[in-house]
Amino acid sequence: MIPAAAYPINVFWSDEDEAWVADVPDLDYCSATGDTPHAAVSEVEVAMEAWLEAARSSGRPIPAPSVRAVHA
């Protein structure tokens, strides 16, 4: 089972939304917004867990993370 923490998160400011956006490119349509970068990441971590649980429950394939963490 792949943990949510294994997936890369992109964080950027959106003028359109007037908020920080945290996006998980490996998980279709998995993103969240927040007033700060930290808040956006916290929200997307919840969304990632929900995305992965829904995929597991429905038998949908779960993509491998596109980036692997490097451990020293």
PDB file of N, CA and C in Angstrom:
ATOM      1  N   MET A   1       0.848  -1.176   0.000  1.00  0.00           N
ATOM      2  CA  MET A   1       0.000   0.000   0.000  1.00  0.00           C
ATOM      3  C   MET A   1       0.897   1.245   0.000  1.00  0.00           C
ATOM      4  N   ILE A   2       0.604   2.172  -0.886  1.00  0.00           N
ATOM      5  CA  ILE A   2       1.376   3.399  -1.009  1.00  0.00           C
ATOM      6  C   ILE A   2       0.820   4.440  -0.038  1.00  0.00           C
ATOM      7  N   PRO A   3       1.657   5.000   0.839  1.00  0.00           N
ATOM      8  CA  PRO A   3       1.168   6.036   1.760  1.00  0.00           C
ATOM      9  C   PRO A   3       1.002   7.377   1.055  1.00  0.00           C
ATOM     10  N   ALA A   4       0.084   8.178   1.518  1.00  0.00           N
ATOM     11  CA  ALA A   4      -0.164   9.492   0.919  1.00  0.00           C
ATOM     12  C   ALA A   4       1.088  10.354   0.945  1.00  0.00           C
ATOM     13  N   ALA A   5       1.915  10.208   1.972  1.00  0.00           N
ATOM     14  CA  ALA A   5       3.121  11.029   2.097  1.00  0.00           C
ATOM     15  C   ALA A   5       4.133  10.771   0.986  1.00  0.00           C
ATOM     16  N   ALA A   6       3.953   9.709   0.222  1.00  0.00           N
ATOM     17  CA  ALA A   6       4.899   9.380  -0.856  1.00  0.00           C
ATOM     18  C   ALA A   6       4.700  10.243  -2.098  1.00  0.00           C
ATOM     19  N   TYR A   7       3.572  10.925  -2.202  1.00  0.00           N
ATOM     20  CA  TYR A   7       3.256  11.689  -3.413  1.00  0.00           C
ATOM     21  C   TYR A   7       3.767  13.129  -3.323  1.00  0.00           C
ATOM     22  N   PRO A   8       4.356  13.628  -4.419  1.00  0.00           N
ATOM     23  CA  PRO A   8       4.802  15.023  -4.426  1.00  0.00           C
ATOM     24  C   PRO A   8       3.609  15.977  -4.439  1.00  0.00           C
ATOM     25  N   ILE A   9       3.812  17.139  -3.825  1.00  0.00           N
ATOM     26  CA  ILE A   9       2.777  18.183  -3.761  1.00  0.00           C
ATOM     27  C   ILE A   9       3.370  19.458  -4.340  1.00  0.00           C
ATOM     28  N   ASN A  10       2.663  20.062  -5.275  1.00  0.00           N
ATOM     29  CA  ASN A  10       3.042  21.371  -5.814  1.00  0.00           C
ATOM     30  C   ASN A  10       2.235  22.432  -5.078  1.00  0.00           C
ATOM     31  N   VAL A  11       2.895  23.498  -4.651  1.00  0.00           N
ATOM     32  CA  VAL A  11       2.210  24.589  -3.948  1.00  0.00           C
ATOM     33  C   VAL A  11       2.475  25.891  -4.699  1.00  0.00           C
ATOM     34  N   PHE A  12       1.404  26.636  -4.977  1.00  0.00           N
ATOM     35  CA  PHE A  12       1.552  27.897  -5.707  1.00  0.00           C
ATOM     36  C   PHE A  12       0.420  28.848  -5.345  1.00  0.00           C
ATOM     37  N   TRP A  13       0.662  30.136  -5.596  1.00  0.00           N
ATOM     38  CA  TRP A  13      -0.349  31.166  -5.366  1.00  0.00           C
ATOM     39  C   TRP A  13      -1.243  31.265  -6.596  1.00  0.00           C
ATOM     40  N   SER A  14      -2.556  31.342  -6.388  1.00  0.00           N
ATOM     41  CA  SER A  14      -3.516  31.505  -7.471  1.00  0.00           C
ATOM     42  C   SER A  14      -4.181  32.876  -7.343  1.00  0.00           C
ATOM     43  N   ASP A  15      -3.897  33.760  -8.313  1.00  0.00           N
ATOM     44  CA  ASP A  15      -4.571  35.058  -8.322  1.00  0.00           C
ATOM     45  C   ASP A  15      -6.071  34.888  -8.506  1.00  0.00           C
ATOM     46  N   GLU A  16      -6.455  33.921  -9.335  1.00  0.00           N
ATOM     47  CA  GLU A  16      -7.877  33.679  -9.608  1.00  0.00           C
ATOM     48  C   GLU A  16      -8.623  33.293  -8.335  1.00  0.00           C
ATOM     49  N   ASP A  17      -8.035  32.402  -7.541  1.00  0.00           N
ATOM     50  CA  ASP A  17      -8.677  31.942  -6.306  1.00  0.00           C
ATOM     51  C   ASP A  17      -8.353  32.828  -5.111  1.00  0.00           C
ATOM     52  N   GLU A  18      -7.343  33.701  -5.277  1.00  0.00           N
ATOM     53  CA  GLU A  18      -6.847  34.524  -4.181  1.00  0.00           C
ATOM     54  C   GLU A  18      -6.514  33.661  -2.963  1.00  0.00           C
ATOM     55  N   ALA A  19      -5.778  32.567  -3.244  1.00  0.00           N
ATOM     56  CA  ALA A  19      -5.415  31.615  -2.201  1.00  0.00           C
ATOM     57  C   ALA A  19      -4.205  30.811  -2.662  1.00  0.00           C
ATOM     58  N   TRP A  20      -3.572  30.160  -1.696  1.00  0.00           N
ATOM     59  CA  TRP A  20      -2.525  29.204  -2.009  1.00  0.00           C
ATOM     60  C   TRP A  20      -3.190  27.899  -2.423  1.00  0.00           C
ATOM     61  N   VAL A  21      -2.635  27.251  -3.420  1.00  0.00           N
ATOM     62  CA  VAL A  21      -3.151  25.981  -3.920  1.00  0.00           C
ATOM     63  C   VAL A  21      -2.094  24.909  -3.720  1.00  0.00           C
ATOM     64  N   ALA A  22      -2.504  23.781  -3.201  1.00  0.00           N
ATOM     65  CA  ALA A  22      -1.648  22.600  -3.103  1.00  0.00           C
ATOM     66  C   ALA A  22      -2.263  21.562  -4.026  1.00  0.00           C
ATOM     67  N   ASP A  23      -1.463  21.076  -4.965  1.00  0.00           N
ATOM     68  CA  ASP A  23      -1.940  20.153  -5.995  1.00  0.00           C
ATOM     69  C   ASP A  23      -1.081  18.889  -5.974  1.00  0.00           C
ATOM     70  N   VAL A  24      -1.730  17.731  -6.140  1.00  0.00           N
ATOM     71  CA  VAL A  24      -1.032  16.453  -6.208  1.00  0.00           C
ATOM     72  C   VAL A  24      -1.140  15.964  -7.652  1.00  0.00           C
ATOM     73  N   PRO A  25      -0.121  16.216  -8.473  1.00  0.00           N
ATOM     74  CA  PRO A  25      -0.236  15.913  -9.898  1.00  0.00           C
ATOM     75  C   PRO A  25      -0.443  14.434 -10.214  1.00  0.00           C
ATOM     76  N   ASP A  26      -0.006  13.541  -9.343  1.00  0.00           N
ATOM     77  CA  ASP A  26      -0.164  12.111  -9.611  1.00  0.00           C
ATOM     78  C   ASP A  26      -1.579  11.596  -9.358  1.00  0.00           C
ATOM     79  N   LEU A  27      -2.375  12.357  -8.613  1.00  0.00           N
ATOM     80  CA  LEU A  27      -3.744  11.942  -8.271  1.00  0.00           C
ATOM     81  C   LEU A  27      -4.711  12.914  -8.937  1.00  0.00           C
ATOM     82  N   ASP A  28      -5.403  12.446  -9.966  1.00  0.00           N
ATOM     83  CA  ASP A  28      -6.301  13.310 -10.733  1.00  0.00           C
ATOM     84  C   ASP A  28      -7.263  14.089  -9.848  1.00  0.00           C
ATOM     85  N   TYR A  29      -7.301  15.392 -10.078  1.00  0.00           N
ATOM     86  CA  TYR A  29      -8.233  16.304  -9.415  1.00  0.00           C
ATOM     87  C   TYR A  29      -8.067  16.358  -7.895  1.00  0.00           C
ATOM     88  N   CYS A  30      -6.879  16.065  -7.402  1.00  0.00           N
ATOM     89  CA  CYS A  30      -6.628  16.127  -5.959  1.00  0.00           C
ATOM     90  C   CYS A  30      -5.873  17.416  -5.663  1.00  0.00           C
ATOM     91  N   SER A  31      -6.598  18.385  -5.113  1.00  0.00           N
ATOM     92  CA  SER A  31      -5.997  19.670  -4.765  1.00  0.00           C
ATOM     93  C   SER A  31      -6.797  20.302  -3.637  1.00  0.00           C
ATOM     94  N   ALA A  32      -6.212  21.335  -3.050  1.00  0.00           N
ATOM     95  CA  ALA A  32      -6.887  22.060  -1.973  1.00  0.00           C
ATOM     96  C   ALA A  32      -6.318  23.469  -1.922  1.00  0.00           C
ATOM     97  N   THR A  33      -7.036  24.356  -1.255  1.00  0.00           N
ATOM     98  CA  THR A  33      -6.577  25.741  -1.108  1.00  0.00           C
ATOM     99  C   THR A  33      -6.453  26.087   0.361  1.00  0.00           C
ATOM    100  N   GLY A  34      -5.714  27.189   0.615  1.00  0.00           N
ATOM    101  CA  GLY A  34      -5.562  27.677   1.978  1.00  0.00           C
ATOM    102  C   GLY A  34      -5.072  29.106   1.973  1.00  0.00           C
ATOM    103  N   ASP A  35      -5.172  29.763   3.123  1.00  0.00           N
ATOM    104  CA  ASP A  35      -4.719  31.149   3.261  1.00  0.00           C
ATOM    105  C   ASP A  35      -3.200  31.256   3.298  1.00  0.00           C
ATOM    106  N   THR A  36      -2.536  30.155   3.640  1.00  0.00           N
ATOM    107  CA  THR A  36      -1.078  30.096   3.675  1.00  0.00           C
ATOM    108  C   THR A  36      -0.633  28.825   2.957  1.00  0.00           C
ATOM    109  N   PRO A  37       0.629  28.746   2.543  1.00  0.00           N
ATOM    110  CA  PRO A  37       1.100  27.495   1.929  1.00  0.00           C
ATOM    111  C   PRO A  37       0.911  26.303   2.875  1.00  0.00           C
ATOM    112  N   HIS A  38       1.212  26.507   4.156  1.00  0.00           N
ATOM    113  CA  HIS A  38       1.063  25.423   5.122  1.00  0.00           C
ATOM    114  C   HIS A  38      -0.392  24.950   5.224  1.00  0.00           C
ATOM    115  N   ALA A  39      -1.320  25.886   5.253  1.00  0.00           N
ATOM    116  CA  ALA A  39      -2.743  25.526   5.331  1.00  0.00           C
ATOM    117  C   ALA A  39      -3.184  24.744   4.096  1.00  0.00           C
ATOM    118  N   ALA A  40      -2.709  25.154   2.927  1.00  0.00           N
ATOM    119  CA  ALA A  40      -3.065  24.444   1.690  1.00  0.00           C
ATOM    120  C   ALA A  40      -2.527  23.017   1.715  1.00  0.00           C
ATOM    121  N   VAL A  41      -1.296  22.845   2.182  1.00  0.00           N
ATOM    122  CA  VAL A  41      -0.710  21.496   2.265  1.00  0.00           C
ATOM    123  C   VAL A  41      -1.475  20.655   3.280  1.00  0.00           C
ATOM    124  N   SER A  42      -1.814  21.231   4.421  1.00  0.00           N
ATOM    125  CA  SER A  42      -2.589  20.485   5.420  1.00  0.00           C
ATOM    126  C   SER A  42      -3.914  20.002   4.847  1.00  0.00           C
ATOM    127  N   GLU A  43      -4.581  20.871   4.104  1.00  0.00           N
ATOM    128  CA  GLU A  43      -5.866  20.497   3.498  1.00  0.00           C
ATOM    129  C   GLU A  43      -5.690  19.436   2.423  1.00  0.00           C
ATOM    130  N   VAL A  44      -4.640  19.542   1.608  1.00  0.00           N
ATOM    131  CA  VAL A  44      -4.467  18.554   0.537  1.00  0.00           C
ATOM    132  C   VAL A  44      -4.052  17.199   1.112  1.00  0.00           C
ATOM    133  N   GLU A  45      -3.395  17.181   2.262  1.00  0.00           N
ATOM    134  CA  GLU A  45      -3.068  15.897   2.887  1.00  0.00           C
ATOM    135  C   GLU A  45      -4.348  15.141   3.262  1.00  0.00           C
ATOM    136  N   VAL A  46      -5.350  15.862   3.730  1.00  0.00           N
ATOM    137  CA  VAL A  46      -6.654  15.249   4.031  1.00  0.00           C
ATOM    138  C   VAL A  46      -7.297  14.758   2.734  1.00  0.00           C
ATOM    139  N   ALA A  47      -7.226  15.582   1.686  1.00  0.00           N
ATOM    140  CA  ALA A  47      -7.804  15.206   0.389  1.00  0.00           C
ATOM    141  C   ALA A  47      -7.111  13.977  -0.197  1.00  0.00           C
ATOM    142  N   MET A  48      -5.795  13.886  -0.027  1.00  0.00           N
ATOM    143  CA  MET A  48      -5.051  12.731  -0.537  1.00  0.00           C
ATOM    144  C   MET A  48      -5.506  11.439   0.140  1.00  0.00           C
ATOM    145  N   GLU A  49      -5.654  11.482   1.453  1.00  0.00           N
ATOM    146  CA  GLU A  49      -6.118  10.292   2.178  1.00  0.00           C
ATOM    147  C   GLU A  49      -7.503   9.870   1.694  1.00  0.00           C
ATOM    148  N   ALA A  50      -8.386  10.849   1.491  1.00  0.00           N
ATOM    149  CA  ALA A  50      -9.732  10.542   0.994  1.00  0.00           C
ATOM    150  C   ALA A  50      -9.673   9.983  -0.421  1.00  0.00           C
ATOM    151  N   TRP A  51      -8.825  10.565  -1.279  1.00  0.00           N
ATOM    152  CA  TRP A  51      -8.679  10.097  -2.665  1.00  0.00           C
ATOM    153  C   TRP A  51      -8.218   8.654  -2.673  1.00  0.00           C
ATOM    154  N   LEU A  52      -7.176   8.357  -1.891  1.00  0.00           N
ATOM    155  CA  LEU A  52      -6.628   6.996  -1.866  1.00  0.00           C
ATOM    156  C   LEU A  52      -7.626   6.004  -1.285  1.00  0.00           C
ATOM    157  N   GLU A  53      -8.328   6.385  -0.235  1.00  0.00           N
ATOM    158  CA  GLU A  53      -9.334   5.490   0.360  1.00  0.00           C
ATOM    159  C   GLU A  53     -10.458   5.203  -0.627  1.00  0.00           C
ATOM    160  N   ALA A  54     -10.922   6.231  -1.330  1.00  0.00           N
ATOM    161  CA  ALA A  54     -11.991   6.032  -2.326  1.00  0.00           C
ATOM    162  C   ALA A  54     -11.513   5.103  -3.448  1.00  0.00           C
ATOM    163  N   ALA A  55     -10.268   5.279  -3.886  1.00  0.00           N
ATOM    164  CA  ALA A  55      -9.736   4.410  -4.944  1.00  0.00           C
ATOM    165  C   ALA A  55      -9.638   2.969  -4.453  1.00  0.00           C
ATOM    166  N   ARG A  56      -9.143   2.769  -3.240  1.00  0.00           N
ATOM    167  CA  ARG A  56      -9.039   1.408  -2.686  1.00  0.00           C
ATOM    168  C   ARG A  56     -10.422   0.774  -2.558  1.00  0.00           C
ATOM    169  N   SER A  57     -11.379   1.537  -2.045  1.00  0.00           N
ATOM    170  CA  SER A  57     -12.739   1.009  -1.830  1.00  0.00           C
ATOM    171  C   SER A  57     -13.429   0.621  -3.127  1.00  0.00           C
ATOM    172  N   SER A  58     -13.158   1.376  -4.181  1.00  0.00           N
ATOM    173  CA  SER A  58     -13.828   1.110  -5.451  1.00  0.00           C
ATOM    174  C   SER A  58     -13.021   0.193  -6.375  1.00  0.00           C
ATOM    175  N   GLY A  59     -11.809  -0.173  -5.938  1.00  0.00           N
ATOM    176  CA  GLY A  59     -10.978  -1.043  -6.762  1.00  0.00           C
ATOM    177  C   GLY A  59     -10.294  -0.325  -7.920  1.00  0.00           C
ATOM    178  N   ARG A  60     -10.300   0.996  -7.872  1.00  0.00           N
ATOM    179  CA  ARG A  60      -9.640   1.788  -8.908  1.00  0.00           C
ATOM    180  C   ARG A  60      -8.135   1.678  -8.757  1.00  0.00           C
ATOM    181  N   PRO A  61      -7.405   1.669  -9.855  1.00  0.00           N
ATOM    182  CA  PRO A  61      -5.944   1.602  -9.742  1.00  0.00           C
ATOM    183  C   PRO A  61      -5.376   2.878  -9.101  1.00  0.00           C
ATOM    184  N   ILE A  62      -4.348   2.691  -8.319  1.00  0.00           N
ATOM    185  CA  ILE A  62      -3.673   3.806  -7.655  1.00  0.00           C
ATOM    186  C   ILE A  62      -2.316   3.979  -8.315  1.00  0.00           C
ATOM    187  N   PRO A  63      -2.062   5.157  -8.873  1.00  0.00           N
ATOM    188  CA  PRO A  63      -0.786   5.364  -9.555  1.00  0.00           C
ATOM    189  C   PRO A  63       0.390   5.399  -8.576  1.00  0.00           C
ATOM    190  N   ALA A  64       1.540   4.978  -9.055  1.00  0.00           N
ATOM    191  CA  ALA A  64       2.758   5.084  -8.259  1.00  0.00           C
ATOM    192  C   ALA A  64       3.174   6.549  -8.215  1.00  0.00           C
ATOM    193  N   PRO A  65       3.812   6.971  -7.131  1.00  0.00           N
ATOM    194  CA  PRO A  65       4.320   8.348  -7.078  1.00  0.00           C
ATOM    195  C   PRO A  65       5.336   8.580  -8.192  1.00  0.00           C
ATOM    196  N   SER A  66       5.306   9.762  -8.777  1.00  0.00           N
ATOM    197  CA  SER A  66       6.215  10.061  -9.887  1.00  0.00           C
ATOM    198  C   SER A  66       7.616  10.396  -9.415  1.00  0.00           C
ATOM    199  N   VAL A  67       7.759  10.709  -8.140  1.00  0.00           N
ATOM    200  CA  VAL A  67       9.052  11.065  -7.580  1.00  0.00           C
ATOM    201  C   VAL A  67       9.289  10.189  -6.364  1.00  0.00           C
ATOM    202  N   ARG A  68      10.496   9.683  -6.234  1.00  0.00           N
ATOM    203  CA  ARG A  68      10.821   8.879  -5.067  1.00  0.00           C
ATOM    204  C   ARG A  68      11.641   9.701  -4.089  1.00  0.00           C
ATOM    205  N   ALA A  69      11.340   9.569  -2.834  1.00  0.00           N
ATOM    206  CA  ALA A  69      12.094  10.277  -1.799  1.00  0.00           C
ATOM    207  C   ALA A  69      13.500   9.699  -1.722  1.00  0.00           C
ATOM    208  N   VAL A  70      14.445  10.568  -1.448  1.00  0.00           N
ATOM    209  CA  VAL A  70      15.826  10.143  -1.279  1.00  0.00           C
ATOM    210  C   VAL A  70      16.136  10.156   0.211  1.00  0.00           C
ATOM    211  N   HIS A  71      16.603   9.055   0.715  1.00  0.00           N
ATOM    212  CA  HIS A  71      16.944   8.954   2.133  1.00  0.00           C
ATOM    213  C   HIS A  71      18.451   8.990   2.286  1.00  0.00           C
ATOM    214  N   ALA A  72      18.920   9.820   3.190  1.00  0.00           N
ATOM    215  CA  ALA A  72      20.375   9.945   3.412  1.00  0.00           C
ATOM    216  C   ALA A  72      20.865   8.870   4.344  1.00  0.00           C
TER     217      ALA A  72
END
